[in-house]
Amino acid sequence: MIGEFFGGVGLLGRGLRLWATSPRLMLLGAVPALVVGAVFTAGLVVTGLAADDIARAVTPFADEWPRWSRTLVRLGGGLAVAALAVLLAVVAFTAVTLLVGDPFYERIWRRVEEGAGDAPADVDRGFWRGLARSAGDSLRLLLATAGVGVLLFVGGFVPVLGQTVVPLLGALTGGWFLAVELTGYAFDARGRSHAERRRGLAVNRARTLGLGTATYLLFFVPLGAVLVMPAAVAAATLLAREVTAGPIAAPPGDSTGRPPTPAGDYHPPA
């Protein structure tokens, strides 16, 4: 499992190699991330400045507690607010950036597919139809993220665990949702449904978490999201090719499957 996790991290490294082999294409992919990132960063700053006030508002029960315990609980509350905001912002940033920069990221996806060989045939999904499907997937993902994020937010008030285990779970959760979102191009091109995408990634959970969590953490590096976003699309394409190389495991009680799609070996195009 550990080896698979770091194998997923390695996929991101292979995606980053496109900065050396296709710099112009990657710069195009960085533009939407830069624009959307500036807006989301401003929102996170505002949330951070208001975190203390929000922590007080959600912990009225601690008003009469001793000073040390009230401070401890509200510190945890402030951190929980910040962690929830970051989790939602990272996933929402990815979803919005993919929508805004769809033509650029589709070109990156196609370049990786062609470089790896056995690329799926072009499918004319139509602009509005493709936009509606992407928006629907993004909304579903954000709702799921919000549900899990609320649970982590509540856990953030638990002393010690809220400041150690919960941030770790937040990174893993954010990484999982990022991977689900980023692999959309490759799965859609192969006619795989959103449910099949989640199921296929779940079978390869450690590898998926390795890619997603590495991407999630690099988003916190200054300008990291701008540089990593196009590389993450490329890496997610490689992951999706591996996952769809064989039939995706059916859920319990369902013996149906899909025919395998060759993955091929990836060679970054010049």
C-alpha atoms as a PDB file:
ATOM      1  CA  MET A   1       0.000   0.000   0.000  1.00  0.00           C
ATOM      2  CA  ILE A   2       2.838   2.407   0.833  1.00  0.00           C
ATOM      3  CA  GLY A   3       4.521   1.583  -2.462  1.00  0.00           C
ATOM      4  CA  GLU A   4       1.296   2.255  -4.344  1.00  0.00           C
ATOM      5  CA  PHE A   5       0.843   5.555  -2.515  1.00  0.00           C
ATOM      6  CA  PHE A   6       4.282   6.769  -3.552  1.00  0.00           C
ATOM      7  CA  GLY A   7       3.635   5.384  -7.019  1.00  0.00           C
ATOM      8  CA  GLY A   8       0.762   7.873  -7.201  1.00  0.00           C
ATOM      9  CA  VAL A   9       3.126  10.643  -6.069  1.00  0.00           C
ATOM     10  CA  GLY A  10       5.461   9.542  -8.856  1.00  0.00           C
ATOM     11  CA  LEU A  11       2.696  10.014 -11.410  1.00  0.00           C
ATOM     12  CA  LEU A  12       2.560  13.689 -10.468  1.00  0.00           C
ATOM     13  CA  GLY A  13       6.313  13.870 -11.019  1.00  0.00           C
ATOM     14  CA  ARG A  14       5.829  12.457 -14.510  1.00  0.00           C
ATOM     15  CA  GLY A  15       3.144  15.056 -15.142  1.00  0.00           C
ATOM     16  CA  LEU A  16       5.515  17.821 -14.059  1.00  0.00           C
ATOM     17  CA  ARG A  17       7.984  16.673 -16.730  1.00  0.00           C
ATOM     18  CA  LEU A  18       5.652  18.202 -19.319  1.00  0.00           C
ATOM     19  CA  TRP A  19       6.924  21.610 -18.195  1.00  0.00           C
ATOM     20  CA  ALA A  20      10.218  20.632 -19.827  1.00  0.00           C
ATOM     21  CA  THR A  21       8.820  18.919 -22.922  1.00  0.00           C
ATOM     22  CA  SER A  22       5.744  21.073 -23.677  1.00  0.00           C
ATOM     23  CA  PRO A  23       6.280  24.401 -21.897  1.00  0.00           C
ATOM     24  CA  ARG A  24       3.959  26.429 -24.139  1.00  0.00           C
ATOM     25  CA  LEU A  25       1.050  24.052 -23.593  1.00  0.00           C
ATOM     26  CA  MET A  26       1.649  24.010 -19.841  1.00  0.00           C
ATOM     27  CA  LEU A  27       1.799  27.816 -19.710  1.00  0.00           C
ATOM     28  CA  LEU A  28      -1.616  27.928 -21.358  1.00  0.00           C
ATOM     29  CA  GLY A  29      -2.885  25.564 -18.669  1.00  0.00           C
ATOM     30  CA  ALA A  30      -1.409  27.774 -15.970  1.00  0.00           C
ATOM     31  CA  VAL A  31      -3.351  30.886 -17.047  1.00  0.00           C
ATOM     32  CA  PRO A  32      -6.806  29.752 -15.820  1.00  0.00           C
ATOM     33  CA  ALA A  33      -5.244  28.513 -12.575  1.00  0.00           C
ATOM     34  CA  LEU A  34      -3.597  31.901 -12.030  1.00  0.00           C
ATOM     35  CA  VAL A  35      -6.829  33.847 -12.551  1.00  0.00           C
ATOM     36  CA  VAL A  36      -9.053  31.556 -10.473  1.00  0.00           C
ATOM     37  CA  GLY A  37      -6.342  31.164  -7.838  1.00  0.00           C
ATOM     38  CA  ALA A  38      -6.158  34.910  -7.255  1.00  0.00           C
ATOM     39  CA  VAL A  39      -9.897  35.040  -6.530  1.00  0.00           C
ATOM     40  CA  PHE A  40      -9.840  32.038  -4.200  1.00  0.00           C
ATOM     41  CA  THR A  41      -6.756  33.277  -2.361  1.00  0.00           C
ATOM     42  CA  ALA A  42      -8.548  36.542  -1.577  1.00  0.00           C
ATOM     43  CA  GLY A  43     -11.490  34.557  -0.231  1.00  0.00           C
ATOM     44  CA  LEU A  44      -9.245  32.441   1.993  1.00  0.00           C
ATOM     45  CA  VAL A  45      -7.544  35.540   3.385  1.00  0.00           C
ATOM     46  CA  VAL A  46     -10.918  37.024   4.328  1.00  0.00           C
ATOM     47  CA  THR A  47     -11.978  33.729   5.922  1.00  0.00           C
ATOM     48  CA  GLY A  48      -8.714  33.534   7.852  1.00  0.00           C
ATOM     49  CA  LEU A  49      -9.159  37.035   9.230  1.00  0.00           C
ATOM     50  CA  ALA A  50     -12.683  36.167  10.347  1.00  0.00           C
ATOM     51  CA  ALA A  51     -11.831  32.701  11.716  1.00  0.00           C
ATOM     52  CA  ASP A  52     -11.571  33.913  15.318  1.00  0.00           C
ATOM     53  CA  ASP A  53     -14.970  35.617  15.189  1.00  0.00           C
ATOM     54  CA  ILE A  54     -16.531  32.549  13.562  1.00  0.00           C
ATOM     55  CA  ALA A  55     -14.997  30.316  16.245  1.00  0.00           C
ATOM     56  CA  ARG A  56     -16.601  32.483  18.945  1.00  0.00           C
ATOM     57  CA  ALA A  57     -19.946  32.386  17.157  1.00  0.00           C
ATOM     58  CA  VAL A  58     -20.013  28.572  16.968  1.00  0.00           C
ATOM     59  CA  THR A  59     -18.822  28.016  20.558  1.00  0.00           C
ATOM     60  CA  PRO A  60     -21.250  30.053  22.689  1.00  0.00           C
ATOM     61  CA  PHE A  61     -21.333  27.139  25.137  1.00  0.00           C
ATOM     62  CA  ALA A  62     -17.752  27.992  26.154  1.00  0.00           C
ATOM     63  CA  ASP A  63     -18.477  31.576  27.244  1.00  0.00           C
ATOM     64  CA  GLU A  64     -18.573  30.650  30.931  1.00  0.00           C
ATOM     65  CA  TRP A  65     -15.716  28.141  30.841  1.00  0.00           C
ATOM     66  CA  PRO A  66     -12.354  28.826  32.519  1.00  0.00           C
ATOM     67  CA  ARG A  67     -10.125  31.009  30.374  1.00  0.00           C
ATOM     68  CA  TRP A  68      -7.641  28.247  29.456  1.00  0.00           C
ATOM     69  CA  SER A  69     -10.302  25.760  28.336  1.00  0.00           C
ATOM     70  CA  ARG A  70     -12.265  28.436  26.460  1.00  0.00           C
ATOM     71  CA  THR A  71      -9.113  29.530  24.651  1.00  0.00           C
ATOM     72  CA  LEU A  72      -8.200  25.934  23.791  1.00  0.00           C
ATOM     73  CA  VAL A  73     -11.636  25.135  22.380  1.00  0.00           C
ATOM     74  CA  ARG A  74     -11.794  28.347  20.368  1.00  0.00           C
ATOM     75  CA  LEU A  75      -8.289  27.836  19.046  1.00  0.00           C
ATOM     76  CA  GLY A  76      -9.401  24.449  17.810  1.00  0.00           C
ATOM     77  CA  GLY A  77     -12.529  26.056  16.398  1.00  0.00           C
ATOM     78  CA  GLY A  78     -10.499  28.633  14.507  1.00  0.00           C
ATOM     79  CA  LEU A  79      -8.282  25.941  13.061  1.00  0.00           C
ATOM     80  CA  ALA A  80     -11.353  23.886  12.144  1.00  0.00           C
ATOM     81  CA  VAL A  81     -12.855  26.870  10.317  1.00  0.00           C
ATOM     82  CA  ALA A  82      -9.606  27.414   8.429  1.00  0.00           C
ATOM     83  CA  ALA A  83      -9.264  23.706   7.579  1.00  0.00           C
ATOM     84  CA  LEU A  84     -12.843  23.502   6.284  1.00  0.00           C
ATOM     85  CA  ALA A  85     -12.373  26.659   4.213  1.00  0.00           C
ATOM     86  CA  VAL A  86      -9.136  25.338   2.723  1.00  0.00           C
ATOM     87  CA  LEU A  87     -10.632  21.923   1.910  1.00  0.00           C
ATOM     88  CA  LEU A  88     -13.636  23.448   0.158  1.00  0.00           C
ATOM     89  CA  ALA A  89     -11.499  26.091  -1.566  1.00  0.00           C
ATOM     90  CA  VAL A  90      -9.013  23.576  -2.994  1.00  0.00           C
ATOM     91  CA  VAL A  91     -11.700  21.302  -4.414  1.00  0.00           C
ATOM     92  CA  ALA A  92     -13.790  24.245  -5.651  1.00  0.00           C
ATOM     93  CA  PHE A  93     -10.659  25.837  -7.163  1.00  0.00           C
ATOM     94  CA  THR A  94      -9.961  22.651  -9.112  1.00  0.00           C
ATOM     95  CA  ALA A  95     -13.546  22.341 -10.323  1.00  0.00           C
ATOM     96  CA  VAL A  96     -13.825  25.998 -11.377  1.00  0.00           C
ATOM     97  CA  THR A  97     -10.387  26.038 -12.995  1.00  0.00           C
ATOM     98  CA  LEU A  98     -11.207  22.959 -15.070  1.00  0.00           C
ATOM     99  CA  LEU A  99     -14.450  24.614 -16.202  1.00  0.00           C
ATOM    100  CA  VAL A 100     -12.813  27.941 -17.062  1.00  0.00           C
ATOM    101  CA  GLY A 101      -9.793  26.376 -18.733  1.00  0.00           C
ATOM    102  CA  ASP A 102     -11.547  23.393 -20.340  1.00  0.00           C
ATOM    103  CA  PRO A 103     -10.061  23.899 -23.843  1.00  0.00           C
ATOM    104  CA  PHE A 104      -6.512  24.125 -22.459  1.00  0.00           C
ATOM    105  CA  TYR A 105      -6.789  21.142 -20.129  1.00  0.00           C
ATOM    106  CA  GLU A 106      -8.440  19.063 -22.807  1.00  0.00           C
ATOM    107  CA  ARG A 107      -5.391  19.727 -25.001  1.00  0.00           C
ATOM    108  CA  ILE A 108      -3.074  18.616 -22.184  1.00  0.00           C
ATOM    109  CA  TRP A 109      -5.136  15.473 -21.681  1.00  0.00           C
ATOM    110  CA  ARG A 110      -5.040  14.727 -25.412  1.00  0.00           C
ATOM    111  CA  ARG A 111      -1.264  15.325 -25.594  1.00  0.00           C
ATOM    112  CA  VAL A 112      -0.660  12.798 -22.802  1.00  0.00           C
ATOM    113  CA  GLU A 113      -3.004  10.254 -24.382  1.00  0.00           C
ATOM    114  CA  GLU A 114      -1.276  10.540 -27.737  1.00  0.00           C
ATOM    115  CA  GLY A 115       2.158  10.356 -26.126  1.00  0.00           C
ATOM    116  CA  ALA A 116       1.193   7.177 -24.289  1.00  0.00           C
ATOM    117  CA  GLY A 117      -0.351   5.527 -27.350  1.00  0.00           C
ATOM    118  CA  ASP A 118      -3.753   3.883 -27.853  1.00  0.00           C
ATOM    119  CA  ALA A 119      -5.496   7.211 -27.301  1.00  0.00           C
ATOM    120  CA  PRO A 120      -9.296   7.033 -27.323  1.00  0.00           C
ATOM    121  CA  ALA A 121     -11.033   8.320 -30.417  1.00  0.00           C
ATOM    122  CA  ASP A 122     -12.144  11.936 -30.476  1.00  0.00           C
ATOM    123  CA  VAL A 123     -15.704  12.315 -29.263  1.00  0.00           C
ATOM    124  CA  ASP A 124     -17.609  15.464 -30.196  1.00  0.00           C
ATOM    125  CA  ARG A 125     -19.540  16.000 -26.975  1.00  0.00           C
ATOM    126  CA  GLY A 126     -20.527  19.562 -27.939  1.00  0.00           C
ATOM    127  CA  PHE A 127     -19.550  22.641 -25.951  1.00  0.00           C
ATOM    128  CA  TRP A 128     -22.768  23.129 -23.988  1.00  0.00           C
ATOM    129  CA  ARG A 129     -23.311  19.440 -23.365  1.00  0.00           C
ATOM    130  CA  GLY A 130     -19.748  19.027 -22.154  1.00  0.00           C
ATOM    131  CA  LEU A 131     -20.009  22.138 -20.004  1.00  0.00           C
ATOM    132  CA  ALA A 132     -23.261  20.928 -18.437  1.00  0.00           C
ATOM    133  CA  ARG A 133     -21.794  17.513 -17.666  1.00  0.00           C
ATOM    134  CA  SER A 134     -18.631  19.007 -16.168  1.00  0.00           C
ATOM    135  CA  ALA A 135     -20.666  21.446 -14.095  1.00  0.00           C
ATOM    136  CA  GLY A 136     -22.874  18.612 -12.841  1.00  0.00           C
ATOM    137  CA  ASP A 137     -19.868  16.508 -11.851  1.00  0.00           C
ATOM    138  CA  SER A 138     -18.292  19.494 -10.116  1.00  0.00           C
ATOM    139  CA  LEU A 139     -21.454  20.314  -8.176  1.00  0.00           C
ATOM    140  CA  ARG A 140     -21.843  16.705  -7.053  1.00  0.00           C
ATOM    141  CA  LEU A 141     -18.212  16.665  -5.965  1.00  0.00           C
ATOM    142  CA  LEU A 142     -18.539  19.927  -4.033  1.00  0.00           C
ATOM    143  CA  LEU A 143     -21.617  18.663  -2.190  1.00  0.00           C
ATOM    144  CA  ALA A 144     -19.792  15.483  -1.214  1.00  0.00           C
ATOM    145  CA  THR A 145     -16.768  17.497  -0.121  1.00  0.00           C
ATOM    146  CA  ALA A 146     -18.952  19.806   1.959  1.00  0.00           C
ATOM    147  CA  GLY A 147     -20.566  16.818   3.698  1.00  0.00           C
ATOM    148  CA  VAL A 148     -17.241  15.280   4.662  1.00  0.00           C
ATOM    149  CA  GLY A 149     -15.806  18.706   5.450  1.00  0.00           C
ATOM    150  CA  VAL A 150     -18.525  19.403   8.020  1.00  0.00           C
ATOM    151  CA  LEU A 151     -17.645  16.168   9.820  1.00  0.00           C
ATOM    152  CA  LEU A 152     -13.971  17.165   9.845  1.00  0.00           C
ATOM    153  CA  PHE A 153     -14.975  20.640  11.006  1.00  0.00           C
ATOM    154  CA  VAL A 154     -16.760  19.166  14.020  1.00  0.00           C
ATOM    155  CA  GLY A 155     -13.777  16.903  14.695  1.00  0.00           C
ATOM    156  CA  GLY A 156     -11.534  19.964  14.728  1.00  0.00           C
ATOM    157  CA  PHE A 157     -12.985  20.944  18.124  1.00  0.00           C
ATOM    158  CA  VAL A 158     -11.638  17.780  19.778  1.00  0.00           C
ATOM    159  CA  PRO A 159      -8.454  18.673  21.687  1.00  0.00           C
ATOM    160  CA  VAL A 160      -5.231  17.183  20.260  1.00  0.00           C
ATOM    161  CA  LEU A 161      -7.003  14.981  17.702  1.00  0.00           C
ATOM    162  CA  GLY A 162      -8.538  18.043  16.111  1.00  0.00           C
ATOM    163  CA  GLN A 163      -5.100  19.549  15.557  1.00  0.00           C
ATOM    164  CA  THR A 164      -3.306  16.384  14.430  1.00  0.00           C
ATOM    165  CA  VAL A 165      -5.489  13.612  13.025  1.00  0.00           C
ATOM    166  CA  VAL A 166      -8.171  15.858  11.518  1.00  0.00           C
ATOM    167  CA  PRO A 167      -5.732  17.888   9.320  1.00  0.00           C
ATOM    168  CA  LEU A 168      -4.271  14.602   8.062  1.00  0.00           C
ATOM    169  CA  LEU A 169      -7.727  13.291   7.231  1.00  0.00           C
ATOM    170  CA  GLY A 170      -8.470  16.630   5.578  1.00  0.00           C
ATOM    171  CA  ALA A 171      -5.449  16.272   3.287  1.00  0.00           C
ATOM    172  CA  LEU A 172      -6.374  12.699   2.365  1.00  0.00           C
ATOM    173  CA  THR A 173     -10.003  13.668   1.786  1.00  0.00           C
ATOM    174  CA  GLY A 174      -9.047  16.652  -0.331  1.00  0.00           C
ATOM    175  CA  GLY A 175      -6.596  14.496  -2.275  1.00  0.00           C
ATOM    176  CA  TRP A 176      -9.261  11.893  -3.001  1.00  0.00           C
ATOM    177  CA  PHE A 177     -11.769  14.434  -4.293  1.00  0.00           C
ATOM    178  CA  LEU A 178      -9.090  16.144  -6.397  1.00  0.00           C
ATOM    179  CA  ALA A 179      -8.189  12.847  -8.068  1.00  0.00           C
ATOM    180  CA  VAL A 180     -11.842  12.106  -8.821  1.00  0.00           C
ATOM    181  CA  GLU A 181     -12.247  15.525 -10.441  1.00  0.00           C
ATOM    182  CA  LEU A 182      -8.971  15.523 -12.391  1.00  0.00           C
ATOM    183  CA  THR A 183      -9.494  12.097 -13.992  1.00  0.00           C
ATOM    184  CA  GLY A 184     -12.747  13.201 -15.608  1.00  0.00           C
ATOM    185  CA  TYR A 185     -11.338  13.773 -19.109  1.00  0.00           C
ATOM    186  CA  ALA A 186      -9.844  10.304 -19.496  1.00  0.00           C
ATOM    187  CA  PHE A 187     -12.810   8.456 -18.018  1.00  0.00           C
ATOM    188  CA  ASP A 188     -15.373  10.432 -20.031  1.00  0.00           C
ATOM    189  CA  ALA A 189     -13.452   9.790 -23.258  1.00  0.00           C
ATOM    190  CA  ARG A 190     -13.744   6.061 -22.601  1.00  0.00           C
ATOM    191  CA  GLY A 191     -17.452   6.233 -21.962  1.00  0.00           C
ATOM    192  CA  ARG A 192     -17.113   5.510 -18.258  1.00  0.00           C
ATOM    193  CA  SER A 193     -19.723   6.904 -15.910  1.00  0.00           C
ATOM    194  CA  HIS A 194     -19.038   8.951 -12.805  1.00  0.00           C
ATOM    195  CA  ALA A 195     -19.909   5.907 -10.659  1.00  0.00           C
ATOM    196  CA  GLU A 196     -17.435   3.766 -12.598  1.00  0.00           C
ATOM    197  CA  ARG A 197     -14.801   6.443 -12.144  1.00  0.00           C
ATOM    198  CA  ARG A 198     -15.219   6.442  -8.364  1.00  0.00           C
ATOM    199  CA  ARG A 199     -15.314   2.659  -8.255  1.00  0.00           C
ATOM    200  CA  GLY A 200     -12.200   2.263 -10.395  1.00  0.00           C
ATOM    201  CA  LEU A 201     -10.259   4.772  -8.320  1.00  0.00           C
ATOM    202  CA  ALA A 202     -11.449   3.093  -5.117  1.00  0.00           C
ATOM    203  CA  VAL A 203      -9.951  -0.204  -6.290  1.00  0.00           C
ATOM    204  CA  ASN A 204      -6.656   1.691  -6.702  1.00  0.00           C
ATOM    205  CA  ARG A 205      -7.197   3.792  -3.586  1.00  0.00           C
ATOM    206  CA  ALA A 206      -3.584   4.036  -2.360  1.00  0.00           C
ATOM    207  CA  ARG A 207      -2.274   5.124  -5.751  1.00  0.00           C
ATOM    208  CA  THR A 208      -5.151   7.572  -6.162  1.00  0.00           C
ATOM    209  CA  LEU A 209      -4.524   9.068  -2.729  1.00  0.00           C
ATOM    210  CA  GLY A 210      -0.810   9.399  -3.489  1.00  0.00           C
ATOM    211  CA  LEU A 211      -1.469  11.506  -6.571  1.00  0.00           C
ATOM    212  CA  GLY A 212      -4.321  13.490  -5.049  1.00  0.00           C
ATOM    213  CA  THR A 213      -2.688  14.199  -1.698  1.00  0.00           C
ATOM    214  CA  ALA A 214       0.606  15.299  -3.283  1.00  0.00           C
ATOM    215  CA  THR A 215      -1.338  17.668  -5.527  1.00  0.00           C
ATOM    216  CA  TYR A 216      -3.382  18.956  -2.580  1.00  0.00           C
ATOM    217  CA  LEU A 217      -0.289  19.719  -0.494  1.00  0.00           C
ATOM    218  CA  LEU A 218       1.586  21.395  -3.339  1.00  0.00           C
ATOM    219  CA  PHE A 219      -1.336  23.774  -3.756  1.00  0.00           C
ATOM    220  CA  PHE A 220      -0.200  25.400  -0.491  1.00  0.00           C
ATOM    221  CA  VAL A 221       3.220  26.307  -1.912  1.00  0.00           C
ATOM    222  CA  PRO A 222       3.254  29.903  -3.234  1.00  0.00           C
ATOM    223  CA  LEU A 223       2.198  29.721  -6.894  1.00  0.00           C
ATOM    224  CA  GLY A 224       2.109  25.936  -6.462  1.00  0.00           C
ATOM    225  CA  ALA A 225      -1.465  25.628  -7.703  1.00  0.00           C
ATOM    226  CA  VAL A 226      -0.598  27.570 -10.868  1.00  0.00           C
ATOM    227  CA  LEU A 227       2.352  25.333 -11.728  1.00  0.00           C
ATOM    228  CA  VAL A 228       0.884  22.045 -10.517  1.00  0.00           C
ATOM    229  CA  MET A 229      -2.622  22.283 -11.972  1.00  0.00           C
ATOM    230  CA  PRO A 230      -1.716  21.477 -15.617  1.00  0.00           C
ATOM    231  CA  ALA A 231       0.735  18.806 -14.445  1.00  0.00           C
ATOM    232  CA  ALA A 232      -1.979  17.278 -12.246  1.00  0.00           C
ATOM    233  CA  VAL A 233      -4.263  16.952 -15.278  1.00  0.00           C
ATOM    234  CA  ALA A 234      -1.480  15.102 -17.102  1.00  0.00           C
ATOM    235  CA  ALA A 235      -0.777  12.866 -14.087  1.00  0.00           C
ATOM    236  CA  ALA A 236      -4.469  12.121 -13.591  1.00  0.00           C
ATOM    237  CA  THR A 237      -4.661  11.035 -17.225  1.00  0.00           C
ATOM    238  CA  LEU A 238      -1.890   8.512 -16.586  1.00  0.00           C
ATOM    239  CA  LEU A 239      -3.707   7.263 -13.487  1.00  0.00           C
ATOM    240  CA  ALA A 240      -6.974   6.900 -15.383  1.00  0.00           C
ATOM    241  CA  ARG A 241      -5.222   4.936 -18.130  1.00  0.00           C
ATOM    242  CA  GLU A 242      -3.867   2.524 -15.532  1.00  0.00           C
ATOM    243  CA  VAL A 243      -7.255   2.139 -13.868  1.00  0.00           C
ATOM    244  CA  THR A 244      -9.082   1.513 -17.154  1.00  0.00           C
ATOM    245  CA  ALA A 245      -6.420  -0.883 -18.486  1.00  0.00           C
ATOM    246  CA  GLY A 246      -8.613  -3.730 -17.215  1.00  0.00           C
ATOM    247  CA  PRO A 247     -12.273  -4.198 -16.390  1.00  0.00           C
ATOM    248  CA  ILE A 248     -13.389  -2.046 -13.472  1.00  0.00           C
ATOM    249  CA  ALA A 249     -14.535  -4.182 -10.568  1.00  0.00           C
ATOM    250  CA  ALA A 250     -18.308  -4.370 -10.360  1.00  0.00           C
ATOM    251  CA  PRO A 251     -20.117  -3.638  -7.105  1.00  0.00           C
ATOM    252  CA  PRO A 252     -21.281  -6.581  -4.974  1.00  0.00           C
ATOM    253  CA  GLY A 253     -24.034  -8.515  -6.689  1.00  0.00           C
ATOM    254  CA  ASP A 254     -23.215  -7.147 -10.147  1.00  0.00           C
ATOM    255  CA  SER A 255     -21.118  -9.360 -12.396  1.00  0.00           C
ATOM    256  CA  THR A 256     -21.081  -6.988 -15.345  1.00  0.00           C
ATOM    257  CA  GLY A 257     -17.895  -5.319 -16.476  1.00  0.00           C
ATOM    258  CA  ARG A 258     -16.388  -3.266 -19.233  1.00  0.00           C
ATOM    259  CA  PRO A 259     -13.794  -4.472 -21.736  1.00  0.00           C
ATOM    260  CA  PRO A 260     -10.239  -3.409 -20.939  1.00  0.00           C
ATOM    261  CA  THR A 261      -8.671  -0.340 -22.518  1.00  0.00           C
ATOM    262  CA  PRO A 262      -4.916  -0.606 -23.193  1.00  0.00           C
ATOM    263  CA  ALA A 263      -2.860   1.771 -21.078  1.00  0.00           C
ATOM    264  CA  GLY A 264       0.416   1.741 -22.934  1.00  0.00           C
ATOM    265  CA  ASP A 265       3.704   3.233 -21.736  1.00  0.00           C
ATOM    266  CA  TYR A 266       3.898   6.968 -21.375  1.00  0.00           C
ATOM    267  CA  HIS A 267       6.590   8.863 -23.257  1.00  0.00           C
ATOM    268  CA  PRO A 268       6.433  12.662 -22.817  1.00  0.00           C
ATOM    269  CA  PRO A 269       6.084  14.227 -26.273  1.00  0.00           C
ATOM    270  CA  ALA A 270       8.815  16.536 -27.467  1.00  0.00           C
END
